[in-house]
């Protein structure tokens, strides 16, 4: 039973979570490149909207 009390000191490992924040800085640089690609993506969605509109009309005509 005395061994159990020793487990209490185990909480000391909690400091490990502190180092985790260090990973956050890495995420910051990753987000920077993301914005660049985001700008390119908007251009693609625009053309897609125009294409679906055309096929949608012909599809409805045959059904009628």
PDB file of N, CA and C in Angstrom:
ATOM      1  N   UNK A   1       0.845  -1.204   0.000  1.00  0.00           N
ATOM      2  CA  UNK A   1       0.000   0.000   0.000  1.00  0.00           C
ATOM      3  C   UNK A   1       0.875   1.247   0.000  1.00  0.00           C
ATOM      4  N   UNK A   2       2.034   1.127   0.674  1.00  0.00           N
ATOM      5  CA  UNK A   2       2.926   2.300   0.718  1.00  0.00           C
ATOM      6  C   UNK A   2       3.391   2.669  -0.690  1.00  0.00           C
ATOM      7  N   UNK A   3       3.513   1.680  -1.573  1.00  0.00           N
ATOM      8  CA  UNK A   3       3.961   1.967  -2.952  1.00  0.00           C
ATOM      9  C   UNK A   3       2.967   2.888  -3.656  1.00  0.00           C
ATOM     10  N   UNK A   4       1.676   2.699  -3.371  1.00  0.00           N
ATOM     11  CA  UNK A   4       0.657   3.542  -4.037  1.00  0.00           C
ATOM     12  C   UNK A   4       0.924   5.031  -3.805  1.00  0.00           C
ATOM     13  N   UNK A   5       1.170   5.421  -2.560  1.00  0.00           N
ATOM     14  CA  UNK A   5       1.446   6.844  -2.262  1.00  0.00           C
ATOM     15  C   UNK A   5       2.570   7.374  -3.150  1.00  0.00           C
ATOM     16  N   UNK A   6       3.539   6.524  -3.446  1.00  0.00           N
ATOM     17  CA  UNK A   6       4.655   6.972  -4.295  1.00  0.00           C
ATOM     18  C   UNK A   6       4.142   7.378  -5.684  1.00  0.00           C
ATOM     19  N   UNK A   7       3.074   6.730  -6.133  1.00  0.00           N
ATOM     20  CA  UNK A   7       2.501   7.076  -7.450  1.00  0.00           C
ATOM     21  C   UNK A   7       2.135   8.561  -7.497  1.00  0.00           C
ATOM     22  N   UNK A   8       1.772   9.112  -6.345  1.00  0.00           N
ATOM     23  CA  UNK A   8       1.383  10.529  -6.292  1.00  0.00           C
ATOM     24  C   UNK A   8       2.455  11.384  -6.965  1.00  0.00           C
ATOM     25  N   UNK A   9       3.730  11.165  -6.683  1.00  0.00           N
ATOM     26  CA  UNK A   9       4.808  11.944  -7.312  1.00  0.00           C
ATOM     27  C   UNK A   9       4.778  11.803  -8.843  1.00  0.00           C
ATOM     28  N   UNK A  10       4.194  10.747  -9.352  1.00  0.00           N
ATOM     29  CA  UNK A  10       4.131  10.535 -10.805  1.00  0.00           C
ATOM     30  C   UNK A  10       3.597  11.782 -11.520  1.00  0.00           C
ATOM     31  N   UNK A  11       2.597  12.454 -10.983  1.00  0.00           N
ATOM     32  CA  UNK A  11       2.060  13.681 -11.599  1.00  0.00           C
ATOM     33  C   UNK A  11       3.163  14.625 -12.058  1.00  0.00           C
ATOM     34  N   UNK A  12       4.350  14.498 -11.503  1.00  0.00           N
ATOM     35  CA  UNK A  12       5.476  15.351 -11.907  1.00  0.00           C
ATOM     36  C   UNK A  12       5.628  15.340 -13.441  1.00  0.00           C
ATOM     37  N   UNK A  13       5.450  14.210 -14.118  1.00  0.00           N
ATOM     38  CA  UNK A  13       5.536  14.128 -15.589  1.00  0.00           C
ATOM     39  C   UNK A  13       4.677  15.181 -16.282  1.00  0.00           C
ATOM     40  N   UNK A  14       3.713  15.754 -15.589  1.00  0.00           N
ATOM     41  CA  UNK A  14       2.858  16.779 -16.194  1.00  0.00           C
ATOM     42  C   UNK A  14       3.673  17.804 -16.986  1.00  0.00           C
ATOM     43  N   UNK A  15       4.879  18.147 -16.561  1.00  0.00           N
ATOM     44  CA  UNK A  15       5.727  19.100 -17.305  1.00  0.00           C
ATOM     45  C   UNK A  15       5.847  18.720 -18.788  1.00  0.00           C
ATOM     46  N   UNK A  16       5.679  17.440 -19.122  1.00  0.00           N
ATOM     47  CA  UNK A  16       5.770  17.020 -20.541  1.00  0.00           C
ATOM     48  C   UNK A  16       4.828  17.846 -21.421  1.00  0.00           C
ATOM     49  N   UNK A  17       3.584  18.027 -21.040  1.00  0.00           N
ATOM     50  CA  UNK A  17       2.625  18.827 -21.820  1.00  0.00           C
ATOM     51  C   UNK A  17       3.196  20.201 -22.167  1.00  0.00           C
ATOM     52  N   UNK A  18       4.014  20.741 -21.287  1.00  0.00           N
ATOM     53  CA  UNK A  18       4.616  22.057 -21.537  1.00  0.00           C
ATOM     54  C   UNK A  18       5.408  22.036 -22.855  1.00  0.00           C
ATOM     55  N   UNK A  19       6.265  21.046 -23.063  1.00  0.00           N
ATOM     56  CA  UNK A  19       7.045  20.934 -24.309  1.00  0.00           C
ATOM     57  C   UNK A  19       6.128  20.856 -25.539  1.00  0.00           C
ATOM     58  N   UNK A  20       4.956  20.299 -25.385  1.00  0.00           N
ATOM     59  CA  UNK A  20       4.018  20.168 -26.509  1.00  0.00           C
ATOM     60  C   UNK A  20       3.818  21.519 -27.209  1.00  0.00           C
ATOM     61  N   UNK A  21       3.599  22.593 -26.466  1.00  0.00           N
ATOM     62  CA  UNK A  21       3.427  23.937 -27.049  1.00  0.00           C
ATOM     63  C   UNK A  21       4.507  24.248 -28.085  1.00  0.00           C
ATOM     64  N   UNK A  22       5.687  23.696 -27.891  1.00  0.00           N
ATOM     65  CA  UNK A  22       6.777  23.943 -28.851  1.00  0.00           C
ATOM     66  C   UNK A  22       6.330  23.521 -30.253  1.00  0.00           C
ATOM     67  N   UNK A  23       5.493  22.505 -30.344  1.00  0.00           N
ATOM     68  CA  UNK A  23       5.016  22.026 -31.651  1.00  0.00           C
ATOM     69  C   UNK A  23       4.132  23.095 -32.307  1.00  0.00           C
ATOM     70  N   UNK A  24       3.428  23.862 -31.515  1.00  0.00           N
ATOM     71  CA  UNK A  24       2.529  24.899 -32.057  1.00  0.00           C
ATOM     72  C   UNK A  24       3.286  25.848 -32.997  1.00  0.00           C
ATOM     73  N   UNK A  25       4.480  26.303 -32.623  1.00  0.00           N
ATOM     74  CA  UNK A  25       5.254  27.196 -33.498  1.00  0.00           C
ATOM     75  C   UNK A  25       5.414  26.594 -34.897  1.00  0.00           C
ATOM     76  N   UNK A  26       5.616  25.294 -34.971  1.00  0.00           N
ATOM     77  CA  UNK A  26       5.780  24.632 -36.274  1.00  0.00           C
ATOM     78  C   UNK A  26       4.498  24.795 -37.091  1.00  0.00           C
ATOM     79  N   UNK A  27       3.362  24.719 -36.436  1.00  0.00           N
ATOM     80  CA  UNK A  27       2.076  24.851 -37.131  1.00  0.00           C
ATOM     81  C   UNK A  27       1.959  26.241 -37.756  1.00  0.00           C
ATOM     82  N   UNK A  28       2.468  27.232 -37.099  1.00  0.00           N
ATOM     83  CA  UNK A  28       2.384  28.613 -37.606  1.00  0.00           C
ATOM     84  C   UNK A  28       2.955  28.691 -39.023  1.00  0.00           C
ATOM     85  N   UNK A  29       4.186  28.216 -39.238  1.00  0.00           N
ATOM     86  CA  UNK A  29       4.783  28.240 -40.587  1.00  0.00           C
ATOM     87  C   UNK A  29       3.924  27.465 -41.594  1.00  0.00           C
ATOM     88  N   UNK A  30       3.357  26.375 -41.157  1.00  0.00           N
ATOM     89  CA  UNK A  30       2.532  25.549 -42.057  1.00  0.00           C
ATOM     90  C   UNK A  30       1.313  26.348 -42.533  1.00  0.00           C
ATOM     91  N   UNK A  31       0.726  27.118 -41.644  1.00  0.00           N
ATOM     92  CA  UNK A  31      -0.469  27.895 -42.008  1.00  0.00           C
ATOM     93  C   UNK A  31      -0.109  28.961 -43.049  1.00  0.00           C
ATOM     94  N   UNK A  32       1.107  29.470 -43.007  1.00  0.00           N
ATOM     95  CA  UNK A  32       1.522  30.512 -43.962  1.00  0.00           C
ATOM     96  C   UNK A  32       1.359  29.997 -45.406  1.00  0.00           C
ATOM     97  N   UNK A  33       1.911  28.816 -45.716  1.00  0.00           N
ATOM     98  CA  UNK A  33       1.771  28.245 -47.072  1.00  0.00           C
ATOM     99  C   UNK A  33       0.310  27.974 -47.427  1.00  0.00           C
ATOM    100  N   UNK A  34      -0.475  27.615 -46.451  1.00  0.00           N
ATOM    101  CA  UNK A  34      -1.891  27.296 -46.690  1.00  0.00           C
ATOM    102  C   UNK A  34      -2.596  28.472 -47.381  1.00  0.00           C
ATOM    103  N   UNK A  35      -2.457  29.690 -46.888  1.00  0.00           N
ATOM    104  CA  UNK A  35      -3.107  30.872 -47.497  1.00  0.00           C
ATOM    105  C   UNK A  35      -2.793  30.971 -48.995  1.00  0.00           C
ATOM    106  N   UNK A  36      -1.559  30.670 -49.358  1.00  0.00           N
ATOM    107  CA  UNK A  36      -1.159  30.761 -50.776  1.00  0.00           C
ATOM    108  C   UNK A  36      -2.017  29.821 -51.618  1.00  0.00           C
ATOM    109  N   UNK A  37      -2.144  28.567 -51.170  1.00  0.00           N
ATOM    110  CA  UNK A  37      -2.938  27.585 -51.929  1.00  0.00           C
ATOM    111  C   UNK A  37      -4.425  27.975 -51.896  1.00  0.00           C
ATOM    112  N   UNK A  38      -4.851  28.525 -50.778  1.00  0.00           N
ATOM    113  CA  UNK A  38      -6.267  28.925 -50.641  1.00  0.00           C
ATOM    114  C   UNK A  38      -6.629  29.904 -51.765  1.00  0.00           C
ATOM    115  N   UNK A  39      -5.727  30.799 -52.086  1.00  0.00           N
ATOM    116  CA  UNK A  39      -6.013  31.783 -53.154  1.00  0.00           C
ATOM    117  C   UNK A  39      -6.219  31.065 -54.499  1.00  0.00           C
ATOM    118  N   UNK A  40      -5.434  30.026 -54.734  1.00  0.00           N
ATOM    119  CA  UNK A  40      -5.539  29.285 -55.997  1.00  0.00           C
ATOM    120  C   UNK A  40      -6.846  28.484 -56.019  1.00  0.00           C
ATOM    121  N   UNK A  41      -7.253  27.949 -54.880  1.00  0.00           N
ATOM    122  CA  UNK A  41      -8.472  27.130 -54.823  1.00  0.00           C
ATOM    123  C   UNK A  41      -9.714  27.934 -55.250  1.00  0.00           C
ATOM    124  N   UNK A  42      -9.910  29.134 -54.738  1.00  0.00           N
ATOM    125  CA  UNK A  42     -11.099  29.931 -55.094  1.00  0.00           C
ATOM    126  C   UNK A  42     -11.278  30.028 -56.609  1.00  0.00           C
ATOM    127  N   UNK A  43     -10.187  30.138 -57.323  1.00  0.00           N
ATOM    128  CA  UNK A  43     -10.266  30.271 -58.788  1.00  0.00           C
ATOM    129  C   UNK A  43     -10.868  28.992 -59.386  1.00  0.00           C
ATOM    130  N   UNK A  44     -10.501  27.835 -58.870  1.00  0.00           N
ATOM    131  CA  UNK A  44     -11.022  26.568 -59.407  1.00  0.00           C
ATOM    132  C   UNK A  44     -12.531  26.432 -59.179  1.00  0.00           C
ATOM    133  N   UNK A  45     -13.014  26.654 -57.955  1.00  0.00           N
ATOM    134  CA  UNK A  45     -14.456  26.527 -57.657  1.00  0.00           C
ATOM    135  C   UNK A  45     -15.313  27.370 -58.602  1.00  0.00           C
ATOM    136  N   UNK A  46     -14.840  28.520 -58.991  1.00  0.00           N
ATOM    137  CA  UNK A  46     -15.608  29.413 -59.867  1.00  0.00           C
ATOM    138  C   UNK A  46     -15.926  28.710 -61.195  1.00  0.00           C
ATOM    139  N   UNK A  47     -14.917  28.178 -61.892  1.00  0.00           N
ATOM    140  CA  UNK A  47     -15.153  27.484 -63.173  1.00  0.00           C
ATOM    141  C   UNK A  47     -16.072  26.279 -63.004  1.00  0.00           C
ATOM    142  N   UNK A  48     -15.918  25.567 -61.911  1.00  0.00           N
ATOM    143  CA  UNK A  48     -16.754  24.374 -61.674  1.00  0.00           C
ATOM    144  C   UNK A  48     -18.238  24.761 -61.632  1.00  0.00           C
ATOM    145  N   UNK A  49     -18.544  25.876 -61.029  1.00  0.00           N
ATOM    146  CA  UNK A  49     -19.950  26.288 -60.902  1.00  0.00           C
ATOM    147  C   UNK A  49     -20.554  26.515 -62.297  1.00  0.00           C
ATOM    148  N   UNK A  50     -19.773  27.064 -63.205  1.00  0.00           N
ATOM    149  CA  UNK A  50     -20.276  27.348 -64.551  1.00  0.00           C
ATOM    150  C   UNK A  50     -20.547  26.035 -65.282  1.00  0.00           C
ATOM    151  N   UNK A  51     -19.660  25.065 -65.150  1.00  0.00           N
ATOM    152  CA  UNK A  51     -19.833  23.790 -65.863  1.00  0.00           C
ATOM    153  C   UNK A  51     -21.089  23.036 -65.402  1.00  0.00           C
ATOM    154  N   UNK A  52     -21.274  22.855 -64.089  1.00  0.00           N
ATOM    155  CA  UNK A  52     -22.452  22.114 -63.590  1.00  0.00           C
ATOM    156  C   UNK A  52     -23.761  22.734 -64.095  1.00  0.00           C
ATOM    157  N   UNK A  53     -23.785  24.037 -64.263  1.00  0.00           N
ATOM    158  CA  UNK A  53     -25.016  24.718 -64.692  1.00  0.00           C
ATOM    159  C   UNK A  53     -25.414  24.210 -66.080  1.00  0.00           C
ATOM    160  N   UNK A  54     -24.465  24.050 -66.978  1.00  0.00           N
ATOM    161  CA  UNK A  54     -24.788  23.600 -68.339  1.00  0.00           C
ATOM    162  C   UNK A  54     -25.336  22.168 -68.350  1.00  0.00           C
ATOM    163  N   UNK A  55     -24.624  21.211 -67.768  1.00  0.00           N
ATOM    164  CA  UNK A  55     -25.103  19.811 -67.774  1.00  0.00           C
ATOM    165  C   UNK A  55     -26.443  19.675 -67.052  1.00  0.00           C
ATOM    166  N   UNK A  56     -26.660  20.468 -66.035  1.00  0.00           N
ATOM    167  CA  UNK A  56     -27.908  20.376 -65.258  1.00  0.00           C
ATOM    168  C   UNK A  56     -29.105  20.666 -66.172  1.00  0.00           C
ATOM    169  N   UNK A  57     -29.004  21.635 -67.034  1.00  0.00           N
ATOM    170  CA  UNK A  57     -30.132  21.996 -67.917  1.00  0.00           C
ATOM    171  C   UNK A  57     -30.476  20.858 -68.891  1.00  0.00           C
ATOM    172  N   UNK A  58     -29.514  20.345 -69.611  1.00  0.00           N
ATOM    173  CA  UNK A  58     -29.787  19.240 -70.570  1.00  0.00           C
ATOM    174  C   UNK A  58     -30.376  18.022 -69.865  1.00  0.00           C
ATOM    175  N   UNK A  59     -29.932  17.758 -68.661  1.00  0.00           N
ATOM    176  CA  UNK A  59     -30.416  16.586 -67.922  1.00  0.00           C
ATOM    177  C   UNK A  59     -31.915  16.741 -67.644  1.00  0.00           C
ATOM    178  N   UNK A  60     -32.358  17.940 -67.344  1.00  0.00           N
ATOM    179  CA  UNK A  60     -33.773  18.158 -67.027  1.00  0.00           C
ATOM    180  C   UNK A  60     -34.635  18.015 -68.295  1.00  0.00           C
ATOM    181  N   UNK A  61     -34.147  18.462 -69.421  1.00  0.00           N
ATOM    182  CA  UNK A  61     -34.923  18.392 -70.664  1.00  0.00           C
ATOM    183  C   UNK A  61     -35.304  16.941 -71.003  1.00  0.00           C
ATOM    184  N   UNK A  62     -34.325  16.023 -71.014  1.00  0.00           N
ATOM    185  CA  UNK A  62     -34.638  14.611 -71.340  1.00  0.00           C
ATOM    186  C   UNK A  62     -35.676  14.025 -70.376  1.00  0.00           C
ATOM    187  N   UNK A  63     -35.609  14.403 -69.114  1.00  0.00           N
ATOM    188  CA  UNK A  63     -36.559  13.860 -68.126  1.00  0.00           C
ATOM    189  C   UNK A  63     -37.981  14.299 -68.481  1.00  0.00           C
ATOM    190  N   UNK A  64     -38.136  15.517 -68.958  1.00  0.00           N
ATOM    191  CA  UNK A  64     -39.478  16.024 -69.279  1.00  0.00           C
ATOM    192  C   UNK A  64     -40.020  15.252 -70.483  1.00  0.00           C
TER     193      UNK A  64
END
